[in-house]
Amino acid sequence: MKAKRNCRCAEEHAGHMCELESEQDWETIRCVTDRPAVQCENCGARANGARYVCMPAEL
């Protein structure tokens, strides 16, 4: 998976948007995307904080 290869903090990858989506954890996704402040440079996912994406970039 491309996201894992480029993940800046692989040890926390299980909590990133790409993993949450693959697990279909929609409730958690709703909670961590209600006030997006960053966007993943890999997949474009937006989240409230850098800890939820592989390659965070500020919006």
N, C-alpha and C. Protein backbone atom coordinates (compact mmCIF):
# COMPACT_ATOMS: atom_id res chain seq x y z
N MET A 1 0.85 -1.18 0.00
CA MET A 1 0.00 0.00 0.00
C MET A 1 0.90 1.24 0.00
N LYS A 2 0.65 2.16 -0.89
CA LYS A 2 1.47 3.37 -1.02
C LYS A 2 1.50 4.19 0.25
N ALA A 3 0.38 4.34 0.91
CA ALA A 3 0.32 5.17 2.10
C ALA A 3 1.27 4.68 3.19
N LYS A 4 1.39 3.38 3.36
CA LYS A 4 2.28 2.86 4.39
C LYS A 4 3.73 3.14 4.05
N ARG A 5 4.11 3.06 2.78
CA ARG A 5 5.49 3.33 2.38
C ARG A 5 5.87 4.77 2.64
N ASN A 6 4.93 5.68 2.47
CA ASN A 6 5.21 7.10 2.61
C ASN A 6 4.74 7.70 3.93
N CYS A 7 4.31 6.88 4.83
CA CYS A 7 3.78 7.35 6.09
C CYS A 7 4.91 7.91 6.96
N ARG A 8 4.74 9.14 7.44
CA ARG A 8 5.76 9.78 8.27
C ARG A 8 5.83 9.20 9.68
N CYS A 9 4.76 8.58 10.14
CA CYS A 9 4.79 7.98 11.48
C CYS A 9 4.09 6.62 11.40
N ALA A 10 4.78 5.68 10.81
CA ALA A 10 4.22 4.35 10.55
C ALA A 10 3.73 3.64 11.80
N GLU A 11 4.35 3.91 12.94
CA GLU A 11 3.92 3.25 14.17
C GLU A 11 2.51 3.66 14.59
N GLU A 12 2.01 4.77 14.07
CA GLU A 12 0.66 5.23 14.37
C GLU A 12 -0.29 5.06 13.18
N HIS A 13 0.14 4.31 12.18
CA HIS A 13 -0.63 4.20 10.94
C HIS A 13 -2.05 3.67 11.14
N ALA A 14 -2.25 2.82 12.13
CA ALA A 14 -3.58 2.24 12.36
C ALA A 14 -4.64 3.30 12.61
N GLY A 15 -4.26 4.49 13.08
CA GLY A 15 -5.23 5.54 13.35
C GLY A 15 -5.37 6.55 12.23
N HIS A 16 -4.72 6.31 11.12
CA HIS A 16 -4.79 7.25 9.99
C HIS A 16 -6.04 7.02 9.15
N MET A 17 -6.43 8.06 8.44
CA MET A 17 -7.66 8.03 7.65
C MET A 17 -7.73 6.84 6.69
N CYS A 18 -6.63 6.52 6.02
CA CYS A 18 -6.66 5.42 5.05
C CYS A 18 -6.98 4.09 5.74
N GLU A 19 -6.46 3.88 6.93
CA GLU A 19 -6.75 2.65 7.67
C GLU A 19 -8.16 2.67 8.24
N LEU A 20 -8.58 3.81 8.78
CA LEU A 20 -9.94 3.93 9.30
C LEU A 20 -10.96 3.65 8.21
N GLU A 21 -10.68 4.15 7.01
CA GLU A 21 -11.59 3.92 5.89
C GLU A 21 -11.58 2.45 5.47
N SER A 22 -10.41 1.84 5.42
CA SER A 22 -10.36 0.43 5.02
C SER A 22 -11.08 -0.46 6.04
N GLU A 23 -11.10 -0.04 7.30
CA GLU A 23 -11.82 -0.76 8.35
C GLU A 23 -13.30 -0.36 8.42
N GLN A 24 -13.68 0.61 7.62
CA GLN A 24 -15.04 1.14 7.58
C GLN A 24 -15.47 1.65 8.96
N ASP A 25 -14.56 2.34 9.63
CA ASP A 25 -14.83 2.91 10.96
C ASP A 25 -15.42 4.31 10.77
N TRP A 26 -16.64 4.35 10.28
CA TRP A 26 -17.27 5.61 9.88
C TRP A 26 -17.50 6.55 11.05
N GLU A 27 -17.80 6.03 12.23
CA GLU A 27 -18.04 6.89 13.39
C GLU A 27 -16.77 7.64 13.77
N THR A 28 -15.64 6.96 13.81
CA THR A 28 -14.37 7.62 14.12
C THR A 28 -14.03 8.63 13.03
N ILE A 29 -14.24 8.27 11.80
CA ILE A 29 -13.96 9.18 10.68
C ILE A 29 -14.78 10.46 10.84
N ARG A 30 -16.06 10.33 11.17
CA ARG A 30 -16.90 11.52 11.39
C ARG A 30 -16.31 12.41 12.49
N CYS A 31 -15.81 11.80 13.54
CA CYS A 31 -15.26 12.57 14.67
C CYS A 31 -13.96 13.28 14.33
N VAL A 32 -13.14 12.70 13.48
CA VAL A 32 -11.82 13.28 13.21
C VAL A 32 -11.79 14.11 11.92
N THR A 33 -12.96 14.33 11.33
CA THR A 33 -13.01 15.14 10.11
C THR A 33 -14.00 16.30 10.20
N ASP A 34 -14.54 16.56 11.38
CA ASP A 34 -15.56 17.60 11.50
C ASP A 34 -14.99 19.02 11.46
N ARG A 35 -13.69 19.19 11.71
CA ARG A 35 -13.03 20.50 11.63
C ARG A 35 -11.66 20.33 10.98
N PRO A 36 -11.62 20.00 9.69
CA PRO A 36 -10.34 19.69 9.04
C PRO A 36 -9.35 20.85 9.06
N ALA A 37 -8.11 20.50 9.41
CA ALA A 37 -7.02 21.48 9.45
C ALA A 37 -5.82 21.03 8.63
N VAL A 38 -5.79 19.73 8.26
CA VAL A 38 -4.69 19.18 7.47
C VAL A 38 -5.24 18.33 6.34
N GLN A 39 -4.40 18.11 5.36
CA GLN A 39 -4.74 17.25 4.24
C GLN A 39 -3.56 16.32 4.00
N CYS A 40 -3.82 15.05 3.70
CA CYS A 40 -2.77 14.09 3.44
C CYS A 40 -2.20 14.33 2.04
N GLU A 41 -0.88 14.44 1.95
CA GLU A 41 -0.23 14.63 0.66
C GLU A 41 -0.27 13.37 -0.20
N ASN A 42 -0.54 12.21 0.42
CA ASN A 42 -0.65 10.96 -0.33
C ASN A 42 -2.00 10.81 -1.00
N CYS A 43 -3.05 10.89 -0.20
CA CYS A 43 -4.38 10.53 -0.71
C CYS A 43 -5.36 11.70 -0.76
N GLY A 44 -5.01 12.83 -0.14
CA GLY A 44 -5.90 13.98 -0.17
C GLY A 44 -6.94 14.00 0.94
N ALA A 45 -6.94 12.99 1.81
CA ALA A 45 -7.90 12.96 2.91
C ALA A 45 -7.68 14.17 3.82
N ARG A 46 -8.77 14.74 4.30
CA ARG A 46 -8.70 15.88 5.22
C ARG A 46 -9.10 15.42 6.61
N ALA A 47 -8.41 15.96 7.61
CA ALA A 47 -8.68 15.57 8.99
C ALA A 47 -8.43 16.74 9.93
N ASN A 48 -8.86 16.58 11.16
CA ASN A 48 -8.72 17.64 12.17
C ASN A 48 -7.28 17.86 12.60
N GLY A 49 -6.44 16.84 12.52
CA GLY A 49 -5.06 16.98 12.96
C GLY A 49 -4.11 16.07 12.21
N ALA A 50 -2.84 16.37 12.31
CA ALA A 50 -1.80 15.63 11.59
C ALA A 50 -1.74 14.16 12.00
N ARG A 51 -2.13 13.85 13.21
CA ARG A 51 -2.05 12.46 13.68
C ARG A 51 -2.98 11.51 12.94
N TYR A 52 -3.90 12.04 12.12
CA TYR A 52 -4.85 11.21 11.42
C TYR A 52 -4.53 10.97 9.96
N VAL A 53 -3.41 11.48 9.48
CA VAL A 53 -3.03 11.26 8.08
C VAL A 53 -1.55 10.89 7.97
N CYS A 54 -1.18 10.27 6.87
CA CYS A 54 0.19 9.78 6.68
C CYS A 54 1.19 10.91 6.39
N MET A 55 0.83 11.81 5.53
CA MET A 55 1.73 12.89 5.11
C MET A 55 0.99 14.23 5.26
N PRO A 56 0.92 14.78 6.47
CA PRO A 56 0.11 15.97 6.72
C PRO A 56 0.67 17.25 6.09
N ALA A 57 -0.25 18.03 5.56
CA ALA A 57 0.05 19.37 5.06
C ALA A 57 -1.09 20.27 5.53
N GLU A 58 -0.76 21.44 6.04
CA GLU A 58 -1.80 22.35 6.52
C GLU A 58 -2.69 22.80 5.38
N LEU A 59 -3.96 23.01 5.69
CA LEU A 59 -4.91 23.53 4.69
C LEU A 59 -4.76 25.01 4.55
